[in-house]
């Protein structure tokens, strides 16, 4: 009889230890999973919550409301709030913070599949070259201010912008100068119509 109680106690203690070990492993596994999440992946997951709009605080002390539509390797593309027909590209490095609701934070931490497809491997330079090929008039916001023009060419770490008035097509007689803009200074590139 006494042996039965001893064995029952030992079995109960072993079960508790196994449960505690399983729980500890699950907690550590979750910490490791969250530790691998990048800001871009979390923003992608957030865009499924609420109305899909994300508020980005940028490194130039401005903020913008964005409905993300594309996630490249180092940039996020989307539709800025209050600018119907406009598209924008935001370098991930230009994001100072993301203002989020509780639901968006929970969505961003939920178990998720990795972003997939070709677009996630496309870098900022490729996205900007596409805007240049389309000859779209763009507003380039940088840490130093904002300029308007057309992207003439995109190099490895900067773009050439032909400066002209908004709404005016790029014609040599309309160009009032050129600006070479390093990618690291860009906070947002807005295109009125990127189609």
N, C-alpha and C. Protein backbone atom coordinates (compact mmCIF):
# COMPACT_ATOMS: atom_id res chain seq x y z
N UNK A 1 0.82 -1.19 0.00
CA UNK A 1 0.00 0.00 0.00
C UNK A 1 0.87 1.26 0.00
N UNK A 2 1.87 1.29 0.87
CA UNK A 2 2.75 2.45 0.92
C UNK A 2 3.54 2.58 -0.37
N UNK A 3 3.91 1.44 -0.95
CA UNK A 3 4.65 1.48 -2.21
C UNK A 3 3.77 2.05 -3.32
N UNK A 4 2.51 1.73 -3.31
CA UNK A 4 1.59 2.25 -4.33
C UNK A 4 1.54 3.78 -4.28
N UNK A 5 1.46 4.33 -3.06
CA UNK A 5 1.44 5.79 -2.92
C UNK A 5 2.76 6.40 -3.37
N UNK A 6 3.86 5.76 -3.04
CA UNK A 6 5.17 6.25 -3.46
C UNK A 6 5.27 6.27 -4.98
N UNK A 7 4.85 5.20 -5.63
CA UNK A 7 4.90 5.15 -7.09
C UNK A 7 3.94 6.15 -7.72
N UNK A 8 2.77 6.33 -7.12
CA UNK A 8 1.81 7.33 -7.62
C UNK A 8 2.41 8.73 -7.51
N UNK A 9 3.07 9.01 -6.37
CA UNK A 9 3.71 10.32 -6.19
C UNK A 9 4.82 10.53 -7.21
N UNK A 10 5.64 9.50 -7.39
CA UNK A 10 6.73 9.61 -8.37
C UNK A 10 6.18 9.81 -9.79
N UNK A 11 5.13 9.08 -10.12
CA UNK A 11 4.53 9.21 -11.45
C UNK A 11 3.94 10.61 -11.64
N UNK A 12 3.28 11.10 -10.62
CA UNK A 12 2.71 12.45 -10.67
C UNK A 12 3.80 13.50 -10.82
N UNK A 13 4.89 13.34 -10.07
CA UNK A 13 6.01 14.28 -10.15
C UNK A 13 6.64 14.23 -11.54
N UNK A 14 6.81 13.05 -12.11
CA UNK A 14 7.37 12.89 -13.45
C UNK A 14 6.47 13.55 -14.49
N UNK A 15 5.16 13.37 -14.37
CA UNK A 15 4.22 14.01 -15.30
C UNK A 15 4.32 15.54 -15.23
N UNK A 16 4.40 16.08 -14.01
CA UNK A 16 4.54 17.54 -13.85
C UNK A 16 5.83 18.04 -14.50
N UNK A 17 6.92 17.34 -14.29
CA UNK A 17 8.20 17.73 -14.88
C UNK A 17 8.15 17.68 -16.41
N UNK A 18 7.50 16.63 -16.95
CA UNK A 18 7.36 16.54 -18.41
C UNK A 18 6.51 17.69 -18.96
N UNK A 19 5.43 18.00 -18.27
CA UNK A 19 4.58 19.12 -18.70
C UNK A 19 5.35 20.44 -18.63
N UNK A 20 6.11 20.63 -17.58
CA UNK A 20 6.90 21.86 -17.43
C UNK A 20 7.97 21.95 -18.52
N UNK A 21 8.61 20.83 -18.83
CA UNK A 21 9.61 20.82 -19.89
C UNK A 21 8.98 21.12 -21.25
N UNK A 22 7.83 20.53 -21.52
CA UNK A 22 7.11 20.78 -22.78
C UNK A 22 6.71 22.25 -22.87
N UNK A 23 6.21 22.80 -21.76
CA UNK A 23 5.82 24.21 -21.73
C UNK A 23 7.05 25.10 -21.95
N UNK A 24 8.16 24.80 -21.31
CA UNK A 24 9.39 25.59 -21.49
C UNK A 24 9.88 25.53 -22.93
N UNK A 25 9.82 24.36 -23.54
CA UNK A 25 10.23 24.22 -24.94
C UNK A 25 9.32 25.03 -25.86
N UNK A 26 8.02 25.01 -25.58
CA UNK A 26 7.07 25.79 -26.40
C UNK A 26 7.34 27.28 -26.27
N UNK A 27 7.60 27.74 -25.05
CA UNK A 27 7.90 29.17 -24.83
C UNK A 27 9.18 29.56 -25.56
N UNK A 28 10.21 28.74 -25.44
CA UNK A 28 11.49 29.04 -26.10
C UNK A 28 11.35 29.00 -27.62
N UNK A 29 10.57 28.07 -28.13
CA UNK A 29 10.33 27.98 -29.57
C UNK A 29 9.60 29.23 -30.07
N UNK A 30 8.62 29.70 -29.30
CA UNK A 30 7.89 30.93 -29.68
C UNK A 30 8.81 32.15 -29.64
N UNK A 31 9.67 32.23 -28.62
CA UNK A 31 10.64 33.34 -28.57
C UNK A 31 11.55 33.32 -29.78
N UNK A 32 12.00 32.15 -30.16
CA UNK A 32 12.89 32.04 -31.33
C UNK A 32 12.14 32.43 -32.61
N UNK A 33 10.88 32.02 -32.75
CA UNK A 33 10.09 32.38 -33.93
C UNK A 33 9.91 33.89 -34.02
N UNK A 34 9.57 34.52 -32.91
CA UNK A 34 9.38 35.98 -32.90
C UNK A 34 10.72 36.67 -33.15
N UNK A 35 11.79 36.10 -32.66
CA UNK A 35 13.11 36.68 -32.87
C UNK A 35 13.53 36.69 -34.34
N UNK A 36 12.93 35.84 -35.15
CA UNK A 36 13.25 35.80 -36.58
C UNK A 36 12.35 36.71 -37.42
N UNK A 37 11.30 37.27 -36.81
CA UNK A 37 10.38 38.13 -37.57
C UNK A 37 11.06 39.45 -37.91
N UNK A 38 10.88 39.88 -39.15
CA UNK A 38 11.38 41.19 -39.57
C UNK A 38 10.23 42.19 -39.60
N UNK A 39 10.58 43.46 -39.60
CA UNK A 39 9.57 44.52 -39.63
C UNK A 39 8.68 44.40 -40.87
N UNK A 40 9.29 44.10 -42.00
CA UNK A 40 8.53 43.98 -43.25
C UNK A 40 7.46 42.88 -43.14
N UNK A 41 7.84 41.73 -42.56
CA UNK A 41 6.88 40.63 -42.41
C UNK A 41 5.76 41.00 -41.44
N UNK A 42 6.12 41.72 -40.38
CA UNK A 42 5.09 42.12 -39.42
C UNK A 42 4.12 43.11 -40.04
N UNK A 43 4.64 44.06 -40.84
CA UNK A 43 3.76 45.02 -41.51
C UNK A 43 2.85 44.29 -42.49
N UNK A 44 3.38 43.31 -43.19
CA UNK A 44 2.56 42.52 -44.12
C UNK A 44 1.42 41.82 -43.38
N UNK A 45 1.71 41.26 -42.22
CA UNK A 45 0.67 40.60 -41.44
C UNK A 45 -0.33 41.60 -40.89
N UNK A 46 0.14 42.80 -40.50
CA UNK A 46 -0.76 43.84 -39.99
C UNK A 46 -1.74 44.31 -41.04
N UNK A 47 -1.32 44.29 -42.29
CA UNK A 47 -2.17 44.86 -43.35
C UNK A 47 -3.44 44.04 -43.54
N UNK A 48 -3.52 42.86 -42.93
CA UNK A 48 -4.75 42.07 -42.99
C UNK A 48 -5.73 42.43 -41.88
N UNK A 49 -5.29 43.19 -40.89
CA UNK A 49 -6.14 43.55 -39.76
C UNK A 49 -6.79 44.91 -39.99
N UNK A 50 -7.84 45.15 -39.24
CA UNK A 50 -8.59 46.41 -39.31
C UNK A 50 -8.96 46.70 -40.77
N UNK A 51 -8.70 47.88 -41.27
CA UNK A 51 -9.07 48.18 -42.66
C UNK A 51 -7.89 48.02 -43.61
N UNK A 52 -6.79 47.46 -43.12
CA UNK A 52 -5.62 47.23 -43.95
C UNK A 52 -4.67 48.40 -44.00
N UNK A 53 -5.04 49.53 -43.42
CA UNK A 53 -4.18 50.72 -43.43
C UNK A 53 -3.19 50.65 -42.27
N UNK A 54 -1.98 51.09 -42.56
CA UNK A 54 -0.90 51.11 -41.58
C UNK A 54 -0.41 52.55 -41.46
N UNK A 55 -0.16 52.99 -40.25
CA UNK A 55 0.40 54.32 -40.03
C UNK A 55 1.90 54.19 -39.81
N UNK A 56 2.67 54.76 -40.72
CA UNK A 56 4.12 54.70 -40.65
C UNK A 56 4.67 56.04 -40.18
N UNK A 57 5.51 56.02 -39.17
CA UNK A 57 6.26 57.19 -38.76
C UNK A 57 7.63 57.06 -39.42
N UNK A 58 8.02 58.08 -40.15
CA UNK A 58 9.23 58.02 -40.95
C UNK A 58 10.39 58.72 -40.26
N UNK A 59 11.60 58.44 -40.72
CA UNK A 59 12.80 58.99 -40.09
C UNK A 59 12.94 60.50 -40.29
N UNK A 60 12.14 61.09 -41.18
CA UNK A 60 12.20 62.55 -41.36
C UNK A 60 11.18 63.27 -40.47
N UNK A 61 10.66 62.57 -39.46
CA UNK A 61 9.71 63.11 -38.48
C UNK A 61 8.34 63.38 -39.09
N UNK A 62 8.02 62.77 -40.23
CA UNK A 62 6.68 62.84 -40.79
C UNK A 62 6.03 61.47 -40.62
N UNK A 63 4.76 61.41 -40.90
CA UNK A 63 4.07 60.11 -40.86
C UNK A 63 3.11 60.04 -42.03
N UNK A 64 2.74 58.83 -42.37
CA UNK A 64 1.79 58.64 -43.46
C UNK A 64 0.96 57.39 -43.20
N UNK A 65 -0.27 57.46 -43.67
CA UNK A 65 -1.18 56.32 -43.61
C UNK A 65 -1.05 55.62 -44.96
N UNK A 66 -0.82 54.31 -44.93
CA UNK A 66 -0.55 53.56 -46.15
C UNK A 66 -1.33 52.26 -46.15
N UNK A 67 -1.90 51.91 -47.28
CA UNK A 67 -2.52 50.61 -47.46
C UNK A 67 -1.53 49.79 -48.31
N UNK A 68 -0.72 48.93 -47.67
CA UNK A 68 0.32 48.20 -48.40
C UNK A 68 -0.27 47.26 -49.45
N UNK A 69 0.40 47.22 -50.60
CA UNK A 69 -0.02 46.32 -51.69
C UNK A 69 1.12 45.44 -52.17
N UNK A 70 2.37 45.80 -51.87
CA UNK A 70 3.52 45.02 -52.32
C UNK A 70 4.63 45.11 -51.27
N UNK A 71 5.36 44.00 -51.14
CA UNK A 71 6.45 43.94 -50.17
C UNK A 71 7.69 43.42 -50.86
N UNK A 72 8.61 44.32 -51.16
CA UNK A 72 9.87 43.94 -51.77
C UNK A 72 10.88 43.57 -50.70
N UNK A 73 12.10 43.32 -51.14
CA UNK A 73 13.15 42.91 -50.21
C UNK A 73 13.42 43.99 -49.15
N UNK A 74 13.47 45.25 -49.56
CA UNK A 74 13.82 46.32 -48.64
C UNK A 74 12.90 47.53 -48.79
N UNK A 75 11.69 47.31 -49.27
CA UNK A 75 10.74 48.39 -49.49
C UNK A 75 9.32 47.86 -49.36
N UNK A 76 8.40 48.80 -49.17
CA UNK A 76 6.97 48.49 -49.12
C UNK A 76 6.29 49.43 -50.10
N UNK A 77 5.42 48.88 -50.92
CA UNK A 77 4.65 49.69 -51.86
C UNK A 77 3.20 49.70 -51.45
N UNK A 78 2.51 50.78 -51.79
CA UNK A 78 1.10 50.84 -51.43
C UNK A 78 0.43 52.10 -51.87
N UNK A 79 -0.79 52.24 -51.41
CA UNK A 79 -1.62 53.40 -51.74
C UNK A 79 -1.68 54.30 -50.51
N UNK A 80 -1.19 55.54 -50.63
CA UNK A 80 -1.25 56.46 -49.48
C UNK A 80 -2.68 56.95 -49.26
N UNK A 81 -3.06 57.10 -48.00
CA UNK A 81 -4.41 57.57 -47.66
C UNK A 81 -4.61 58.98 -48.19
N UNK A 82 -5.80 59.23 -48.69
CA UNK A 82 -6.15 60.57 -49.17
C UNK A 82 -5.57 60.93 -50.52
N UNK A 83 -4.97 59.96 -51.22
CA UNK A 83 -4.39 60.23 -52.53
C UNK A 83 -4.88 59.17 -53.51
N UNK A 84 -6.15 59.24 -53.92
CA UNK A 84 -6.68 58.23 -54.83
C UNK A 84 -5.89 58.21 -56.14
N UNK A 85 -5.60 57.03 -56.62
CA UNK A 85 -4.86 56.87 -57.86
C UNK A 85 -3.36 56.97 -57.68
N UNK A 86 -2.89 57.32 -56.49
CA UNK A 86 -1.45 57.46 -56.25
C UNK A 86 -0.90 56.12 -55.75
N UNK A 87 0.37 55.94 -55.96
CA UNK A 87 1.11 54.80 -55.44
C UNK A 87 2.36 55.35 -54.77
N UNK A 88 2.91 54.59 -53.85
CA UNK A 88 4.16 55.04 -53.24
C UNK A 88 5.06 53.86 -52.91
N UNK A 89 6.33 54.17 -52.78
CA UNK A 89 7.35 53.21 -52.38
C UNK A 89 8.03 53.79 -51.14
N UNK A 90 8.08 52.98 -50.08
CA UNK A 90 8.72 53.41 -48.83
C UNK A 90 9.85 52.43 -48.51
N UNK A 91 11.08 52.91 -48.48
CA UNK A 91 12.17 52.02 -48.06
C UNK A 91 11.97 51.60 -46.60
N UNK A 92 12.18 50.34 -46.30
CA UNK A 92 12.01 49.87 -44.93
C UNK A 92 12.95 50.63 -43.99
N UNK A 93 14.13 50.99 -44.48
CA UNK A 93 15.09 51.74 -43.65
C UNK A 93 14.59 53.13 -43.29
N UNK A 94 13.57 53.64 -44.01
CA UNK A 94 13.04 54.97 -43.72
C UNK A 94 11.94 54.94 -42.66
N UNK A 95 11.57 53.76 -42.20
CA UNK A 95 10.50 53.64 -41.20
C UNK A 95 11.11 53.76 -39.81
N UNK A 96 10.67 54.79 -39.10
CA UNK A 96 11.14 54.99 -37.73
C UNK A 96 10.30 54.19 -36.74
N UNK A 97 9.01 54.06 -37.02
CA UNK A 97 8.10 53.31 -36.15
C UNK A 97 6.81 53.03 -36.92
N UNK A 98 6.06 52.07 -36.42
CA UNK A 98 4.75 51.76 -36.97
C UNK A 98 3.74 51.94 -35.84
N UNK A 99 2.77 52.81 -36.05
CA UNK A 99 1.71 52.99 -35.06
C UNK A 99 0.64 51.96 -35.37
N UNK A 100 0.32 51.13 -34.39
CA UNK A 100 -0.57 50.00 -34.64
C UNK A 100 -1.62 49.87 -33.55
N UNK A 101 -2.75 49.30 -33.95
CA UNK A 101 -3.78 48.96 -32.97
C UNK A 101 -3.40 47.63 -32.30
N UNK A 102 -4.06 47.33 -31.22
CA UNK A 102 -3.80 46.06 -30.53
C UNK A 102 -4.02 44.88 -31.46
N UNK A 103 -5.07 44.95 -32.25
CA UNK A 103 -5.38 43.86 -33.19
C UNK A 103 -4.27 43.72 -34.23
N UNK A 104 -3.75 44.83 -34.74
CA UNK A 104 -2.67 44.76 -35.72
C UNK A 104 -1.42 44.14 -35.11
N UNK A 105 -1.11 44.50 -33.87
CA UNK A 105 0.06 43.91 -33.20
C UNK A 105 -0.14 42.40 -33.05
N UNK A 106 -1.33 41.99 -32.60
CA UNK A 106 -1.61 40.56 -32.45
C UNK A 106 -1.50 39.83 -33.78
N UNK A 107 -2.05 40.43 -34.85
CA UNK A 107 -1.96 39.83 -36.18
C UNK A 107 -0.50 39.70 -36.61
N UNK A 108 0.29 40.71 -36.31
CA UNK A 108 1.69 40.69 -36.75
C UNK A 108 2.51 39.63 -36.04
N UNK A 109 2.06 39.21 -34.87
CA UNK A 109 2.79 38.20 -34.11
C UNK A 109 2.24 36.79 -34.31
N UNK A 110 1.05 36.69 -34.92
CA UNK A 110 0.43 35.38 -35.12
C UNK A 110 1.31 34.53 -36.03
N UNK A 111 1.18 33.25 -35.87
CA UNK A 111 1.93 32.34 -36.74
C UNK A 111 1.56 32.65 -38.18
N UNK A 112 2.56 32.80 -39.01
CA UNK A 112 2.32 33.22 -40.38
C UNK A 112 3.28 32.54 -41.32
N UNK A 113 2.86 32.45 -42.56
CA UNK A 113 3.75 31.91 -43.56
C UNK A 113 4.64 33.04 -44.07
N UNK A 114 5.79 32.70 -44.52
CA UNK A 114 6.73 33.71 -45.02
C UNK A 114 6.18 34.32 -46.31
N UNK A 115 6.55 35.58 -46.53
CA UNK A 115 6.20 36.21 -47.80
C UNK A 115 6.84 35.39 -48.90
N UNK A 116 6.13 35.26 -49.99
CA UNK A 116 6.68 34.43 -51.05
C UNK A 116 6.62 35.11 -52.38
N UNK A 117 7.24 34.49 -53.32
CA UNK A 117 7.18 34.99 -54.68
C UNK A 117 8.38 35.84 -55.06
N UNK A 118 8.39 36.17 -56.31
CA UNK A 118 9.49 36.94 -56.88
C UNK A 118 9.60 38.33 -56.29
N UNK A 119 8.47 38.98 -56.04
CA UNK A 119 8.50 40.38 -55.61
C UNK A 119 9.26 40.57 -54.29
N UNK A 120 9.23 39.57 -53.41
CA UNK A 120 9.93 39.74 -52.13
C UNK A 120 11.43 39.75 -52.30
N UNK A 121 11.93 39.32 -53.44
CA UNK A 121 13.38 39.36 -53.68
C UNK A 121 13.80 40.61 -54.45
N UNK A 122 12.84 41.40 -54.88
CA UNK A 122 13.13 42.61 -55.66
C UNK A 122 13.52 43.75 -54.72
N UNK A 123 14.64 44.37 -55.00
CA UNK A 123 15.14 45.46 -54.17
C UNK A 123 14.57 46.81 -54.57
N UNK A 124 14.87 47.81 -53.79
CA UNK A 124 14.39 49.17 -54.00
C UNK A 124 14.79 49.70 -55.38
N UNK A 125 16.02 49.44 -55.80
CA UNK A 125 16.49 49.95 -57.09
C UNK A 125 15.60 49.46 -58.23
N UNK A 126 15.19 48.20 -58.18
CA UNK A 126 14.34 47.65 -59.24
C UNK A 126 12.98 48.35 -59.26
N UNK A 127 12.40 48.55 -58.08
CA UNK A 127 11.10 49.22 -58.00
C UNK A 127 11.19 50.65 -58.55
N UNK A 128 12.27 51.35 -58.23
CA UNK A 128 12.45 52.71 -58.73
C UNK A 128 12.72 52.73 -60.23
N UNK A 129 13.45 51.73 -60.74
CA UNK A 129 13.66 51.63 -62.20
C UNK A 129 12.34 51.47 -62.92
N UNK A 130 11.43 50.72 -62.31
CA UNK A 130 10.11 50.54 -62.93
C UNK A 130 9.39 51.89 -63.05
N UNK A 131 9.45 52.71 -62.01
CA UNK A 131 8.85 54.04 -62.08
C UNK A 131 9.53 54.88 -63.15
N UNK A 132 10.83 54.75 -63.26
CA UNK A 132 11.58 55.48 -64.29
C UNK A 132 11.18 55.05 -65.69
N UNK A 133 11.01 53.75 -65.90
CA UNK A 133 10.57 53.25 -67.23
C UNK A 133 9.20 53.77 -67.60
N UNK A 134 8.34 53.92 -66.61
CA UNK A 134 6.98 54.40 -66.87
C UNK A 134 6.93 55.91 -67.11
N UNK A 135 8.07 56.58 -66.85
CA UNK A 135 8.17 58.04 -67.00
C UNK A 135 7.12 58.74 -66.15
N UNK A 136 6.84 58.15 -65.01
CA UNK A 136 5.85 58.71 -64.09
C UNK A 136 6.44 59.91 -63.37
N UNK A 137 5.67 60.96 -63.25
CA UNK A 137 6.08 62.08 -62.41
C UNK A 137 6.03 61.64 -60.97
N UNK A 138 7.09 61.94 -60.23
CA UNK A 138 7.16 61.49 -58.85
C UNK A 138 7.52 62.63 -57.92
N UNK A 139 7.11 62.49 -56.69
CA UNK A 139 7.58 63.36 -55.62
C UNK A 139 8.51 62.51 -54.78
N UNK A 140 9.75 62.94 -54.65
CA UNK A 140 10.73 62.21 -53.85
C UNK A 140 10.92 62.99 -52.55
N UNK A 141 10.51 62.36 -51.46
CA UNK A 141 10.71 62.96 -50.14
C UNK A 141 11.99 62.38 -49.55
N UNK A 142 12.81 63.28 -49.06
CA UNK A 142 14.07 62.86 -48.46
C UNK A 142 14.19 63.43 -47.06
N UNK A 143 15.25 63.09 -46.40
CA UNK A 143 15.50 63.65 -45.08
C UNK A 143 15.71 65.15 -45.14
N UNK A 144 15.98 65.67 -46.33
CA UNK A 144 16.30 67.09 -46.51
C UNK A 144 15.16 67.90 -47.13
N UNK A 145 14.06 67.27 -47.47
CA UNK A 145 12.96 67.99 -48.10
C UNK A 145 12.31 67.16 -49.18
N UNK A 146 11.59 67.83 -50.05
CA UNK A 146 10.82 67.16 -51.09
C UNK A 146 11.08 67.82 -52.44
N UNK A 147 11.21 66.99 -53.47
CA UNK A 147 11.39 67.50 -54.83
C UNK A 147 10.48 66.73 -55.77
N UNK A 148 10.14 67.36 -56.90
CA UNK A 148 9.27 66.72 -57.89
C UNK A 148 10.00 66.61 -59.21
N UNK A 149 9.75 65.52 -59.90
CA UNK A 149 10.36 65.34 -61.22
C UNK A 149 10.07 63.96 -61.78
N UNK A 150 10.97 63.53 -62.65
CA UNK A 150 10.88 62.22 -63.28
C UNK A 150 12.20 61.51 -63.08
N UNK A 151 12.11 60.23 -62.74
CA UNK A 151 13.33 59.46 -62.55
C UNK A 151 13.94 59.18 -63.92
N UNK A 152 15.14 59.69 -64.15
CA UNK A 152 15.83 59.45 -65.42
C UNK A 152 16.57 58.12 -65.41
N UNK A 153 17.26 57.83 -64.32
CA UNK A 153 18.01 56.57 -64.24
C UNK A 153 18.19 56.21 -62.77
N UNK A 154 18.42 54.91 -62.56
CA UNK A 154 18.64 54.41 -61.21
C UNK A 154 19.93 53.62 -61.21
N UNK A 155 20.86 54.01 -60.37
CA UNK A 155 22.15 53.33 -60.25
C UNK A 155 22.10 52.39 -59.04
N UNK A 156 23.24 51.92 -58.62
CA UNK A 156 23.31 50.94 -57.54
C UNK A 156 22.80 51.49 -56.21
N UNK A 157 23.12 52.75 -55.91
CA UNK A 157 22.77 53.29 -54.59
C UNK A 157 22.15 54.68 -54.65
N UNK A 158 21.76 55.13 -55.84
CA UNK A 158 21.13 56.45 -55.98
C UNK A 158 20.30 56.51 -57.26
N UNK A 159 19.51 57.57 -57.36
CA UNK A 159 18.73 57.79 -58.58
C UNK A 159 19.01 59.19 -59.09
N UNK A 160 18.81 59.37 -60.41
CA UNK A 160 18.91 60.68 -61.05
C UNK A 160 17.49 61.17 -61.28
N UNK A 161 17.19 62.35 -60.78
CA UNK A 161 15.85 62.91 -60.90
C UNK A 161 15.92 64.19 -61.72
N UNK A 162 15.16 64.21 -62.82
CA UNK A 162 15.03 65.44 -63.62
C UNK A 162 13.94 66.27 -62.96
N UNK A 163 14.27 67.47 -62.50
CA UNK A 163 13.34 68.31 -61.76
C UNK A 163 12.45 69.11 -62.70
N UNK A 164 11.15 69.05 -62.45
CA UNK A 164 10.17 69.85 -63.20
C UNK A 164 8.93 70.00 -62.35
N UNK A 165 8.04 70.87 -62.78
CA UNK A 165 6.82 71.15 -62.02
C UNK A 165 5.89 69.93 -61.99
N UNK A 166 5.15 69.76 -60.89
CA UNK A 166 4.16 68.68 -60.82
C UNK A 166 3.11 68.84 -61.91
N UNK A 167 2.68 67.72 -62.46
CA UNK A 167 1.65 67.73 -63.48
C UNK A 167 2.15 68.04 -64.88
N UNK A 168 3.41 68.39 -65.01
CA UNK A 168 3.99 68.71 -66.31
C UNK A 168 4.79 67.49 -66.77
N UNK A 169 4.57 67.01 -68.00
CA UNK A 169 5.37 65.88 -68.47
C UNK A 169 6.84 66.27 -68.61
N UNK A 170 7.70 65.28 -68.50
CA UNK A 170 9.13 65.56 -68.60
C UNK A 170 9.49 65.86 -70.05
N UNK A 171 9.79 67.10 -70.29
CA UNK A 171 10.29 67.57 -71.58
C UNK A 171 11.56 68.35 -71.26
N UNK A 172 12.53 68.28 -72.13
CA UNK A 172 13.81 68.93 -71.86
C UNK A 172 13.63 70.40 -71.54
N UNK A 173 12.71 71.07 -72.24
CA UNK A 173 12.51 72.51 -71.99
C UNK A 173 11.85 72.78 -70.63
N UNK A 174 11.19 71.77 -70.05
CA UNK A 174 10.54 71.91 -68.74
C UNK A 174 11.47 71.59 -67.58
N UNK A 175 12.56 70.88 -67.87
CA UNK A 175 13.48 70.46 -66.82
C UNK A 175 14.28 71.67 -66.34
N UNK A 176 14.22 71.90 -65.03
CA UNK A 176 14.93 73.06 -64.47
C UNK A 176 16.18 72.66 -63.69
N UNK A 177 16.53 71.39 -63.76
CA UNK A 177 17.73 70.93 -63.09
C UNK A 177 17.66 69.43 -62.84
N UNK A 178 18.72 68.91 -62.29
CA UNK A 178 18.82 67.48 -62.00
C UNK A 178 19.30 67.31 -60.57
N UNK A 179 18.87 66.24 -59.97
CA UNK A 179 19.31 65.94 -58.61
C UNK A 179 19.64 64.46 -58.53
N UNK A 180 20.82 64.15 -58.01
CA UNK A 180 21.21 62.76 -57.73
C UNK A 180 20.90 62.52 -56.26
N UNK A 181 20.03 61.54 -55.99
CA UNK A 181 19.54 61.32 -54.63
C UNK A 181 19.97 59.93 -54.15
N UNK A 182 20.78 59.86 -53.09
CA UNK A 182 21.16 58.56 -52.52
C UNK A 182 19.93 57.86 -51.92
N UNK A 183 19.85 56.56 -52.12
CA UNK A 183 18.73 55.80 -51.56
C UNK A 183 18.61 55.99 -50.05
N UNK A 184 19.73 56.08 -49.36
CA UNK A 184 19.69 56.16 -47.90
C UNK A 184 19.03 57.44 -47.40
N UNK A 185 18.87 58.45 -48.26
CA UNK A 185 18.23 59.70 -47.87
C UNK A 185 16.73 59.70 -48.18
N UNK A 186 16.27 58.75 -48.99
CA UNK A 186 14.87 58.71 -49.43
C UNK A 186 13.97 58.18 -48.32
N UNK A 187 12.86 58.89 -48.08
CA UNK A 187 11.87 58.40 -47.13
C UNK A 187 10.63 57.86 -47.85
N UNK A 188 10.22 58.52 -48.93
CA UNK A 188 9.05 58.08 -49.70
C UNK A 188 9.22 58.55 -51.14
N UNK A 189 8.79 57.70 -52.08
CA UNK A 189 8.66 58.11 -53.47
C UNK A 189 7.19 57.95 -53.82
N UNK A 190 6.53 59.08 -54.13
CA UNK A 190 5.10 59.09 -54.47
C UNK A 190 4.93 59.30 -55.97
N UNK A 191 4.12 58.47 -56.58
CA UNK A 191 3.81 58.61 -57.99
C UNK A 191 2.31 58.86 -58.11
N UNK A 192 1.94 59.93 -58.83
CA UNK A 192 0.53 60.27 -58.96
C UNK A 192 -0.24 59.16 -59.65
N UNK A 193 0.34 58.56 -60.66
CA UNK A 193 -0.30 57.46 -61.37
C UNK A 193 0.79 56.53 -61.85
N UNK A 194 0.94 55.42 -61.18
CA UNK A 194 2.03 54.48 -61.49
C UNK A 194 1.59 53.39 -62.45
N UNK A 195 0.52 53.58 -63.17
CA UNK A 195 0.07 52.55 -64.10
C UNK A 195 0.69 52.72 -65.45
